[in-house]
PDB file of all heavy atoms in Angstrom:
ATOM      1  N   ASN A   1       3.196  10.089   1.493  1.00  0.00           N
ATOM      2  CA  ASN A   1       2.110  10.775   1.192  1.00  0.00           C
ATOM      3  C   ASN A   1       1.299  11.378   2.514  1.00  0.00           C
ATOM      4  O   ASN A   1       0.800  12.570   2.376  1.00  0.00           O
ATOM      5  CB  ASN A   1       1.105  10.034   0.458  1.00  0.00           C
ATOM      6  CG  ASN A   1       1.504   9.571  -0.871  1.00  0.00           C
ATOM      7  OD1 ASN A   1       2.212  10.459  -1.697  1.00  0.00           O
ATOM      8  ND2 ASN A   1       1.208   8.444  -1.451  1.00  0.00           N
ATOM      9  N   ILE A   2       1.506  10.880   3.569  1.00  0.00           N
ATOM     10  CA  ILE A   2       1.073  11.439   4.767  1.00  0.00           C
ATOM     11  C   ILE A   2       1.745  12.600   5.128  1.00  0.00           C
ATOM     12  O   ILE A   2       1.261  13.669   5.602  1.00  0.00           O
ATOM     13  CB  ILE A   2       1.052  10.336   5.926  1.00  0.00           C
ATOM     14  CG1 ILE A   2      -0.194   9.322   5.696  1.00  0.00           C
ATOM     15  CG2 ILE A   2       0.830  10.952   7.304  1.00  0.00           C
ATOM     16  CD1 ILE A   2      -0.040   8.078   6.592  1.00  0.00           C
ATOM     17  N   ARG A   3       3.086  12.486   5.058  1.00  0.00           N
ATOM     18  CA  ARG A   3       3.907  13.695   5.400  1.00  0.00           C
ATOM     19  C   ARG A   3       3.605  14.823   4.401  1.00  0.00           C
ATOM     20  O   ARG A   3       3.533  16.050   4.717  1.00  0.00           O
ATOM     21  CB  ARG A   3       5.417  13.390   5.250  1.00  0.00           C
ATOM     22  CG  ARG A   3       5.905  12.299   6.475  1.00  0.00           C
ATOM     23  CD  ARG A   3       7.402  12.089   6.351  1.00  0.00           C
ATOM     24  NE  ARG A   3       7.858  11.368   7.402  1.00  0.00           N
ATOM     25  CZ  ARG A   3       8.148  10.066   7.449  1.00  0.00           C
ATOM     26  NH1 ARG A   3       8.017   9.330   6.261  1.00  0.00           N
ATOM     27  NH2 ARG A   3       8.611   9.397   8.515  1.00  0.00           N
ATOM     28  N   THR A   4       3.435  14.474   3.185  1.00  0.00           N
ATOM     29  CA  THR A   4       3.090  15.502   2.191  1.00  0.00           C
ATOM     30  C   THR A   4       1.733  16.172   2.513  1.00  0.00           C
ATOM     31  O   THR A   4       1.666  17.408   2.492  1.00  0.00           O
ATOM     32  CB  THR A   4       2.862  14.926   0.693  1.00  0.00           C
ATOM     33  OG1 THR A   4       4.237  14.370   0.441  1.00  0.00           O
ATOM     34  CG2 THR A   4       2.400  15.944  -0.298  1.00  0.00           C
ATOM     35  N   TYR A   5       0.789  15.458   2.911  1.00  0.00           N
ATOM     36  CA  TYR A   5      -0.533  15.905   3.367  1.00  0.00           C
ATOM     37  C   TYR A   5      -0.459  16.774   4.556  1.00  0.00           C
ATOM     38  O   TYR A   5      -1.113  17.797   4.664  1.00  0.00           O
ATOM     39  CB  TYR A   5      -1.462  14.704   3.614  1.00  0.00           C
ATOM     40  CG  TYR A   5      -3.017  15.083   3.902  1.00  0.00           C
ATOM     41  CD1 TYR A   5      -3.736  15.944   3.011  1.00  0.00           C
ATOM     42  CD2 TYR A   5      -3.556  14.616   4.886  1.00  0.00           C
ATOM     43  CE1 TYR A   5      -4.966  16.279   3.244  1.00  0.00           C
ATOM     44  CE2 TYR A   5      -4.946  14.922   5.169  1.00  0.00           C
ATOM     45  CZ  TYR A   5      -5.597  15.628   4.419  1.00  0.00           C
ATOM     46  OH  TYR A   5      -6.828  16.100   4.617  1.00  0.00           O
ATOM     47  N   GLY A   6       0.460  16.383   5.477  1.00  0.00           N
ATOM     48  CA  GLY A   6       0.763  17.244   6.649  1.00  0.00           C
ATOM     49  C   GLY A   6       1.062  18.629   6.261  1.00  0.00           C
ATOM     50  O   GLY A   6       0.662  19.511   6.907  1.00  0.00           O
ATOM     51  N   TYR A   7       2.000  18.732   5.277  1.00  0.00           N
ATOM     52  CA  TYR A   7       2.393  20.054   4.932  1.00  0.00           C
ATOM     53  C   TYR A   7       1.163  20.926   4.277  1.00  0.00           C
ATOM     54  O   TYR A   7       1.126  22.096   4.466  1.00  0.00           O
ATOM     55  CB  TYR A   7       3.587  19.983   4.018  1.00  0.00           C
ATOM     56  CG  TYR A   7       4.890  19.868   4.751  1.00  0.00           C
ATOM     57  CD1 TYR A   7       5.418  18.750   5.099  1.00  0.00           C
ATOM     58  CD2 TYR A   7       5.604  21.123   4.976  1.00  0.00           C
ATOM     59  CE1 TYR A   7       6.579  18.634   5.792  1.00  0.00           C
ATOM     60  CE2 TYR A   7       6.865  21.023   5.664  1.00  0.00           C
ATOM     61  CZ  TYR A   7       7.361  19.744   6.142  1.00  0.00           C
ATOM     62  OH  TYR A   7       8.591  19.784   6.707  1.00  0.00           O
ATOM     63  N   ILE A   8       0.388  20.166   3.607  1.00  0.00           N
ATOM     64  CA  ILE A   8      -0.733  20.737   2.976  1.00  0.00           C
ATOM     65  C   ILE A   8      -1.650  21.366   3.899  1.00  0.00           C
ATOM     66  O   ILE A   8      -2.183  22.563   3.679  1.00  0.00           O
ATOM     67  CB  ILE A   8      -1.426  19.834   1.916  1.00  0.00           C
ATOM     68  CG1 ILE A   8      -0.583  19.443   0.773  1.00  0.00           C
ATOM     69  CG2 ILE A   8      -2.718  20.387   1.519  1.00  0.00           C
ATOM     70  CD1 ILE A   8      -1.112  18.387  -0.059  1.00  0.00           C
ATOM     71  N   ILE A   9      -1.921  20.672   5.018  1.00  0.00           N
ATOM     72  CA  ILE A   9      -2.879  21.198   5.969  1.00  0.00           C
ATOM     73  C   ILE A   9      -2.308  21.640   7.237  1.00  0.00           C
ATOM     74  O   ILE A   9      -3.049  21.884   8.300  1.00  0.00           O
ATOM     75  CB  ILE A   9      -3.981  20.064   6.279  1.00  0.00           C
ATOM     76  CG1 ILE A   9      -3.275  18.830   6.924  1.00  0.00           C
ATOM     77  CG2 ILE A   9      -4.725  19.595   5.001  1.00  0.00           C
ATOM     78  CD1 ILE A   9      -4.282  17.724   7.548  1.00  0.00           C
ATOM     79  N   ASP A  10      -1.042  21.929   7.246  1.00  0.00           N
ATOM     80  CA  ASP A  10      -0.331  22.480   8.350  1.00  0.00           C
ATOM     81  C   ASP A  10      -0.452  21.559   9.637  1.00  0.00           C
ATOM     82  O   ASP A  10      -0.684  22.058  10.779  1.00  0.00           O
ATOM     83  CB  ASP A  10      -0.799  23.977   8.746  1.00  0.00           C
ATOM     84  CG  ASP A  10      -0.528  24.910   7.608  1.00  0.00           C
ATOM     85  OD1 ASP A  10       0.579  24.844   7.054  1.00  0.00           O
ATOM     86  OD2 ASP A  10      -1.371  25.762   7.271  1.00  0.00           O
ATOM     87  N   ARG A  11      -0.168  20.358   9.411  1.00  0.00           N
ATOM     88  CA  ARG A  11      -0.233  19.390  10.533  1.00  0.00           C
ATOM     89  C   ARG A  11       1.219  18.531  10.379  1.00  0.00           C
ATOM     90  O   ARG A  11       1.077  17.356  10.484  1.00  0.00           O
ATOM     91  CB  ARG A  11      -1.288  18.491  10.565  1.00  0.00           C
ATOM     92  CG  ARG A  11      -2.626  19.123  10.732  1.00  0.00           C
ATOM     93  CD  ARG A  11      -2.803  19.815  12.104  1.00  0.00           C
ATOM     94  NE  ARG A  11      -4.083  20.118  12.564  1.00  0.00           N
ATOM     95  CZ  ARG A  11      -4.839  21.276  12.086  1.00  0.00           C
ATOM     96  NH1 ARG A  11      -4.236  22.041  11.167  1.00  0.00           N
ATOM     97  NH2 ARG A  11      -6.034  21.470  12.524  1.00  0.00           N
ATOM     98  N   GLU A  12       2.305  19.209  10.191  1.00  0.00           N
ATOM     99  CA  GLU A  12       3.567  18.515   9.984  1.00  0.00           C
ATOM    100  C   GLU A  12       4.031  17.608  10.981  1.00  0.00           C
ATOM    101  O   GLU A  12       4.393  16.429  10.744  1.00  0.00           O
ATOM    102  CB  GLU A  12       4.652  19.544   9.624  1.00  0.00           C
ATOM    103  CG  GLU A  12       4.508  20.409   8.404  1.00  0.00           C
ATOM    104  CD  GLU A  12       3.799  21.630   8.596  1.00  0.00           C
ATOM    105  OE1 GLU A  12       3.094  21.718   9.597  1.00  0.00           O
ATOM    106  OE2 GLU A  12       4.031  22.578   7.823  1.00  0.00           O
ATOM    107  N   GLU A  13       3.897  18.061  12.286  1.00  0.00           N
ATOM    108  CA  GLU A  13       4.381  17.181  13.370  1.00  0.00           C
ATOM    109  C   GLU A  13       3.478  16.061  13.609  1.00  0.00           C
ATOM    110  O   GLU A  13       3.906  14.887  13.896  1.00  0.00           O
ATOM    111  CB  GLU A  13       4.437  18.026  14.653  1.00  0.00           C
ATOM    112  CG  GLU A  13       5.661  19.086  14.511  1.00  0.00           C
ATOM    113  CD  GLU A  13       5.757  19.874  15.988  1.00  0.00           C
ATOM    114  OE1 GLU A  13       4.894  19.581  16.902  1.00  0.00           O
ATOM    115  OE2 GLU A  13       6.568  20.803  15.994  1.00  0.00           O
ATOM    116  N   ASP A  14       2.131  16.156  13.380  1.00  0.00           N
ATOM    117  CA  ASP A  14       1.163  15.149  13.524  1.00  0.00           C
ATOM    118  C   ASP A  14       1.393  14.069  12.450  1.00  0.00           C
ATOM    119  O   ASP A  14       1.279  12.960  12.600  1.00  0.00           O
ATOM    120  CB  ASP A  14      -0.210  15.622  13.472  1.00  0.00           C
ATOM    121  CG  ASP A  14      -0.562  16.587  14.669  1.00  0.00           C
ATOM    122  OD1 ASP A  14      -0.726  16.127  15.706  1.00  0.00           O
ATOM    123  OD2 ASP A  14      -0.521  17.866  14.366  1.00  0.00           O
ATOM    124  N   ALA A  15       1.692  14.639  11.253  1.00  0.00           N
ATOM    125  CA  ALA A  15       1.993  13.651  10.115  1.00  0.00           C
ATOM    126  C   ALA A  15       3.257  12.862  10.368  1.00  0.00           C
ATOM    127  O   ALA A  15       3.228  11.691  10.000  1.00  0.00           O
ATOM    128  CB  ALA A  15       2.028  14.597   8.810  1.00  0.00           C
ATOM    129  N   GLU A  16       4.258  13.522  10.880  1.00  0.00           N
ATOM    130  CA  GLU A  16       5.504  12.869  11.132  1.00  0.00           C
ATOM    131  C   GLU A  16       5.205  11.789  12.124  1.00  0.00           C
ATOM    132  O   GLU A  16       5.774  10.598  12.076  1.00  0.00           O
ATOM    133  CB  GLU A  16       6.486  13.806  11.681  1.00  0.00           C
ATOM    134  CG  GLU A  16       7.938  13.112  11.925  1.00  0.00           C
ATOM    135  CD  GLU A  16       8.445  12.352  10.765  1.00  0.00           C
ATOM    136  OE1 GLU A  16       8.335  12.874   9.649  1.00  0.00           O
ATOM    137  OE2 GLU A  16       9.130  11.340  10.929  1.00  0.00           O
ATOM    138  N   GLU A  17       4.468  11.975  13.123  1.00  0.00           N
ATOM    139  CA  GLU A  17       4.127  10.919  14.185  1.00  0.00           C
ATOM    140  C   GLU A  17       3.352   9.819  13.534  1.00  0.00           C
ATOM    141  O   GLU A  17       3.778   8.632  13.687  1.00  0.00           O
ATOM    142  CB  GLU A  17       3.258  11.559  15.304  1.00  0.00           C
ATOM    143  CG  GLU A  17       2.996  10.521  16.410  1.00  0.00           C
ATOM    144  CD  GLU A  17       2.086  11.127  17.608  1.00  0.00           C
ATOM    145  OE1 GLU A  17       1.641  12.288  17.440  1.00  0.00           O
ATOM    146  OE2 GLU A  17       1.981  10.447  18.535  1.00  0.00           O
ATOM    147  N   PHE A  18       2.394  10.115  12.687  1.00  0.00           N
ATOM    148  CA  PHE A  18       1.666   9.092  12.230  1.00  0.00           C
ATOM    149  C   PHE A  18       2.418   8.260  11.138  1.00  0.00           C
ATOM    150  O   PHE A  18       2.348   7.043  11.112  1.00  0.00           O
ATOM    151  CB  PHE A  18       0.349   9.571  11.388  1.00  0.00           C
ATOM    152  CG  PHE A  18      -0.671   8.687  10.978  1.00  0.00           C
ATOM    153  CD1 PHE A  18      -0.863   7.468  11.656  1.00  0.00           C
ATOM    154  CD2 PHE A  18      -1.372   8.942   9.776  1.00  0.00           C
ATOM    155  CE1 PHE A  18      -1.831   6.498  11.226  1.00  0.00           C
ATOM    156  CE2 PHE A  18      -2.350   7.887   9.427  1.00  0.00           C
ATOM    157  CZ  PHE A  18      -2.567   6.752  10.044  1.00  0.00           C
ATOM    158  N   ALA A  19       3.175   8.892  10.367  1.00  0.00           N
ATOM    159  CA  ALA A  19       4.085   8.240   9.319  1.00  0.00           C
ATOM    160  C   ALA A  19       5.058   7.391   9.975  1.00  0.00           C
ATOM    161  O   ALA A  19       5.348   6.245   9.518  1.00  0.00           O
ATOM    162  CB  ALA A  19       4.712   9.249   8.384  1.00  0.00           C
ATOM    163  N   SER A  20       5.602   7.722  10.943  1.00  0.00           N
ATOM    164  CA  SER A  20       6.605   7.037  11.726  1.00  0.00           C
ATOM    165  C   SER A  20       6.073   5.728  12.405  1.00  0.00           C
ATOM    166  O   SER A  20       6.589   4.726  12.354  1.00  0.00           O
ATOM    167  CB  SER A  20       7.382   7.893  12.868  1.00  0.00           C
ATOM    168  OG  SER A  20       8.030   8.828  12.267  1.00  0.00           O
ATOM    169  N   TRP A  21       4.812   5.968  12.873  1.00  0.00           N
ATOM    170  CA  TRP A  21       4.064   4.757  13.497  1.00  0.00           C
ATOM    171  C   TRP A  21       3.835   3.735  12.385  1.00  0.00           C
ATOM    172  O   TRP A  21       3.980   2.618  12.619  1.00  0.00           O
ATOM    173  CB  TRP A  21       2.813   5.242  14.063  1.00  0.00           C
ATOM    174  CG  TRP A  21       2.131   4.189  14.819  1.00  0.00           C
ATOM    175  CD1 TRP A  21       2.228   3.722  16.174  1.00  0.00           C
ATOM    176  CD2 TRP A  21       1.013   3.331  14.315  1.00  0.00           C
ATOM    177  NE1 TRP A  21       1.280   2.789  16.488  1.00  0.00           N
ATOM    178  CE2 TRP A  21       0.586   2.465  15.323  1.00  0.00           C
ATOM    179  CE3 TRP A  21       0.371   3.227  12.916  1.00  0.00           C
ATOM    180  CZ2 TRP A  21      -0.454   1.534  15.121  1.00  0.00           C
ATOM    181  CZ3 TRP A  21      -0.551   2.289  12.782  1.00  0.00           C
ATOM    182  CH2 TRP A  21      -1.018   1.403  13.813  1.00  0.00           C
ATOM    183  N   ILE A  22       3.349   4.148  11.233  1.00  0.00           N
ATOM    184  CA  ILE A  22       3.155   3.316  10.096  1.00  0.00           C
ATOM    185  C   ILE A  22       4.427   2.481   9.608  1.00  0.00           C
ATOM    186  O   ILE A  22       4.490   1.415   9.467  1.00  0.00           O
ATOM    187  CB  ILE A  22       2.525   4.065   8.951  1.00  0.00           C
ATOM    188  CG1 ILE A  22       1.140   4.385   9.127  1.00  0.00           C
ATOM    189  CG2 ILE A  22       2.757   3.334   7.591  1.00  0.00           C
ATOM    190  CD1 ILE A  22       0.508   5.336   8.171  1.00  0.00           C
ATOM    191  N   GLU A  23       5.516   3.322   9.623  1.00  0.00           N
ATOM    192  CA  GLU A  23       6.788   2.585   9.220  1.00  0.00           C
ATOM    193  C   GLU A  23       7.209   1.609  10.291  1.00  0.00           C
ATOM    194  O   GLU A  23       7.819   0.650   9.959  1.00  0.00           O
ATOM    195  CB  GLU A  23       7.874   3.757   8.980  1.00  0.00           C
ATOM    196  CG  GLU A  23       7.579   4.614   7.788  1.00  0.00           C
ATOM    197  CD  GLU A  23       8.515   5.927   7.720  1.00  0.00           C
ATOM    198  OE1 GLU A  23       9.164   6.162   8.743  1.00  0.00           O
ATOM    199  OE2 GLU A  23       8.493   6.534   6.658  1.00  0.00           O
ATOM    200  N   LYS A  24       6.941   2.029  11.503  1.00  0.00           N
ATOM    201  CA  LYS A  24       7.243   0.997  12.649  1.00  0.00           C
ATOM    202  C   LYS A  24       6.573  -0.357  12.519  1.00  0.00           C
ATOM    203  O   LYS A  24       7.164  -1.415  12.586  1.00  0.00           O
ATOM    204  CB  LYS A  24       6.958   1.640  14.035  1.00  0.00           C
ATOM    205  CG  LYS A  24       7.245   0.664  15.170  1.00  0.00           C
ATOM    206  CD  LYS A  24       6.860   1.353  16.554  1.00  0.00           C
ATOM    207  CE  LYS A  24       6.998   0.550  17.597  1.00  0.00           C
ATOM    208  NZ  LYS A  24       6.411   1.072  18.960  1.00  0.00           N
ATOM    209  N   GLN A  25       5.371  -0.188  12.256  1.00  0.00           N
ATOM    210  CA  GLN A  25       4.449  -1.510  12.076  1.00  0.00           C
ATOM    211  C   GLN A  25       4.892  -2.171  10.726  1.00  0.00           C
ATOM    212  O   GLN A  25       4.992  -3.496  10.690  1.00  0.00           O
ATOM    213  CB  GLN A  25       2.900  -1.126  12.005  1.00  0.00           C
ATOM    214  CG  GLN A  25       2.432  -0.263  13.136  1.00  0.00           C
ATOM    215  CD  GLN A  25       2.961  -0.701  14.609  1.00  0.00           C
ATOM    216  OE1 GLN A  25       3.064  -1.922  14.839  1.00  0.00           O
ATOM    217  NE2 GLN A  25       3.230   0.341  15.360  1.00  0.00           N
ATOM    218  N   ASN A  26       5.158  -1.498   9.782  1.00  0.00           N
ATOM    219  CA  ASN A  26       5.499  -2.044   8.538  1.00  0.00           C
ATOM    220  C   ASN A  26       6.899  -2.857   8.622  1.00  0.00           C
ATOM    221  O   ASN A  26       7.091  -3.950   8.212  1.00  0.00           O
ATOM    222  CB  ASN A  26       5.659  -1.058   7.425  1.00  0.00           C
ATOM    223  CG  ASN A  26       5.709  -1.526   6.002  1.00  0.00           C
ATOM    224  OD1 ASN A  26       5.410  -2.749   5.748  1.00  0.00           O
ATOM    225  ND2 ASN A  26       6.073  -0.687   5.105  1.00  0.00           N
ATOM    226  N   ASP A  27       7.840  -2.188   9.278  1.00  0.00           N
ATOM    227  CA  ASP A  27       9.124  -2.762   9.555  1.00  0.00           C
ATOM    228  C   ASP A  27       8.981  -4.056  10.440  1.00  0.00           C
ATOM    229  O   ASP A  27       9.721  -5.004  10.256  1.00  0.00           O
ATOM    230  CB  ASP A  27      10.041  -1.750  10.256  1.00  0.00           C
ATOM    231  CG  ASP A  27      10.478  -0.574   9.323  1.00  0.00           C
ATOM    232  OD1 ASP A  27      10.344  -0.822   8.157  1.00  0.00           O
ATOM    233  OD2 ASP A  27      11.015   0.418   9.843  1.00  0.00           O
ATOM    234  N   LEU A  28       7.989  -3.936  11.421  1.00  0.00           N
ATOM    235  CA  LEU A  28       7.877  -5.214  12.279  1.00  0.00           C
ATOM    236  C   LEU A  28       7.407  -6.419  11.355  1.00  0.00           C
ATOM    237  O   LEU A  28       7.848  -7.525  11.546  1.00  0.00           O
ATOM    238  CB  LEU A  28       6.756  -4.833  13.290  1.00  0.00           C
ATOM    239  CG  LEU A  28       6.144  -5.947  14.172  1.00  0.00           C
ATOM    240  CD1 LEU A  28       7.327  -6.647  14.926  1.00  0.00           C
ATOM    241  CD2 LEU A  28       5.075  -5.550  14.996  1.00  0.00           C
ATOM    242  N   ILE A  29       6.483  -6.184  10.548  1.00  0.00           N
ATOM    243  CA  ILE A  29       6.002  -7.259   9.663  1.00  0.00           C
ATOM    244  C   ILE A  29       6.984  -7.768   8.744  1.00  0.00           C
ATOM    245  O   ILE A  29       7.136  -9.003   8.781  1.00  0.00           O
ATOM    246  CB  ILE A  29       4.612  -6.781   8.891  1.00  0.00           C
ATOM    247  CG1 ILE A  29       3.556  -6.446   9.881  1.00  0.00           C
ATOM    248  CG2 ILE A  29       4.234  -7.809   7.953  1.00  0.00           C
ATOM    249  CD1 ILE A  29       2.456  -5.764   9.179  1.00  0.00           C
ATOM    250  N   LYS A  30       7.790  -6.891   8.115  1.00  0.00           N
ATOM    251  CA  LYS A  30       8.774  -7.297   7.314  1.00  0.00           C
ATOM    252  C   LYS A  30       9.858  -8.021   7.962  1.00  0.00           C
ATOM    253  O   LYS A  30      10.424  -9.026   7.506  1.00  0.00           O
ATOM    254  CB  LYS A  30       9.316  -5.958   6.566  1.00  0.00           C
ATOM    255  CG  LYS A  30       8.370  -5.437   5.642  1.00  0.00           C
ATOM    256  CD  LYS A  30       8.985  -4.202   4.705  1.00  0.00           C
ATOM    257  CE  LYS A  30       8.231  -3.699   3.745  1.00  0.00           C
ATOM    258  NZ  LYS A  30       8.809  -2.483   2.943  1.00  0.00           N
ATOM    259  N   SER A  31      10.223  -7.673   9.089  1.00  0.00           N
ATOM    260  CA  SER A  31      11.417  -8.231   9.802  1.00  0.00           C
ATOM    261  C   SER A  31      10.927  -9.710  10.247  1.00  0.00           C
ATOM    262  O   SER A  31      11.834 -10.529  10.264  1.00  0.00           O
ATOM    263  CB  SER A  31      11.808  -7.477  11.050  1.00  0.00           C
ATOM    264  OG  SER A  31      10.726  -7.335  12.110  1.00  0.00           O
ATOM    265  N   ARG A  32       9.745  -9.827  10.544  1.00  0.00           N
ATOM    266  CA  ARG A  32       9.333 -11.246  11.080  1.00  0.00           C
ATOM    267  C   ARG A  32       9.136 -12.196   9.892  1.00  0.00           C
ATOM    268  O   ARG A  32       9.257 -13.434  10.069  1.00  0.00           O
ATOM    269  CB  ARG A  32       7.956 -11.158  11.764  1.00  0.00           C
ATOM    270  CG  ARG A  32       8.026 -10.283  13.105  1.00  0.00           C
ATOM    271  CD  ARG A  32       8.963 -10.949  14.066  1.00  0.00           C
ATOM    272  NE  ARG A  32       9.108 -10.118  15.340  1.00  0.00           N
ATOM    273  CZ  ARG A  32       8.388 -10.397  16.455  1.00  0.00           C
ATOM    274  NH1 ARG A  32       7.562 -11.451  16.601  1.00  0.00           N
ATOM    275  NH2 ARG A  32       8.631  -9.608  17.459  1.00  0.00           N
ATOM    276  N   LEU A  33       8.928 -11.675   8.751  1.00  0.00           N
ATOM    277  CA  LEU A  33       8.717 -12.545   7.524  1.00  0.00           C
ATOM    278  C   LEU A  33       9.845 -12.563   6.461  1.00  0.00           C
ATOM    279  O   LEU A  33       9.727 -13.183   5.488  1.00  0.00           O
ATOM    280  CB  LEU A  33       7.354 -12.083   6.821  1.00  0.00           C
ATOM    281  CG  LEU A  33       6.108 -12.097   7.628  1.00  0.00           C
ATOM    282  CD1 LEU A  33       4.941 -11.546   6.897  1.00  0.00           C
ATOM    283  CD2 LEU A  33       5.884 -13.694   7.956  1.00  0.00           C
ATOM    284  N   LYS A  34      10.910 -11.897   6.808  1.00  0.00           N
ATOM    285  CA  LYS A  34      12.068 -11.763   5.932  1.00  0.00           C
ATOM    286  C   LYS A  34      12.531 -13.016   5.408  1.00  0.00           C
ATOM    287  O   LYS A  34      13.101 -13.151   4.293  1.00  0.00           O
ATOM    288  CB  LYS A  34      13.174 -10.872   6.469  1.00  0.00           C
ATOM    289  CG  LYS A  34      13.804 -11.327   7.728  1.00  0.00           C
ATOM    290  CD  LYS A  34      14.878 -10.365   8.134  1.00  0.00           C
ATOM    291  CE  LYS A  34      15.561 -10.899   9.519  1.00  0.00           C
ATOM    292  NZ  LYS A  34      16.495  -9.968  10.037  1.00  0.00           N
TER     293      LYS A  34
END
């Protein structure tokens, strides 16, 4: 949804950076608790 929003407001690269950061933290939590 962040990537989608980035396209809506013409901030695609910023959205990709933020979305990737979120996925990184999410993966960290999941990997530690798997």
